[in-house]
Amino acid sequence: MKKYAIIITFVFLAGLIRAGASNNKSYMEIFIAYDQITMSDYNTLIQQSRDIYNYYGISSQFNRMDTAVLSEFSYVYNLESLNSGTWGVYFRGGRLNAGNESKLFYDPATVFEKMTSDYSVYYGGFGVRKYIAAFYVGADACFYLNSGNREKDIIYYPDGSDMLTIEKTWNTALYGFNFEAGMDMWLNDKFGVSFRGGYRYAKGSIDINWGPLYGNEVTPQNVDYSGFYIGAGLMLAFGNDEKEEKPVKTDW
């Protein structure tokens, strides 16, 4: 219910802004970024497991979850003309792709256990920008959501066949904030490229269900998507430029 309320609010605000800015430029941006994330609880568990197995001489390949890939669509409304040193508002939505894979080995060539984790989340948000020529600074609030997060652990026999599968699941729902700066470079009236970077603050808690094998036991864990990001995007302006006034014809 909360998710639908947020979406309806975004659409309502977009309609109000669009109605009051019919002669001003707006544009869409497709953005890709390299993203740092924190994930302290997850990485602590990974490090502890790695240390234990290494202590007993068991070959392991446990990977931390320190980075993610951000893919996003933004819709920007400038309150005056494009790059006129004024304010703009924007809506953003996308996916923060955060996954990881770790392995244990019988020997260097034979996998004993493979653990695949998916902490990816979808998000939507609303914010404001302050333009100074082609440069801007901005801030927004976002809501992060995914009801399909999971970790799948498969244990194998030495011949490679499956011995046991453990599948943990959880829902993610949390709020966050972004603070960023960027630059828009328009190649013509309709098309351009952009560069931006910033910092995201987004953390909360999840309840991990260990599945039927463990009696659906639930354990809490903190998740932290906070970190710096940097990337680039393509911009496409829409046809709402101010129309040029046509000269008035006279007889003299």
Foldseek 3Di string as FASTA:
>chain_A
DVVVVVVVVVVVVVVVLCVLQLAEKKKKKKWKKKAFWDFPQQQVVLVVVVVVCVVVVWDKFGDDFTIWMWTKMKIKTDNHYPQPQAKIKMKMKTKTWTKDKMFTAPDPVFTFKIKIWTPMWIKIWMWMWGHHRQKIKIKIKMKTWDQFTKMKMFGADRVGHTDDIKMKGKIDIWMKMKIKMKGWDAPDPFKTKMWMKTWMWIKDKIWIQRDVVVPRDTDMDIGTGTGIMIIMIMMGMDPSHRDDDDDDDDPD
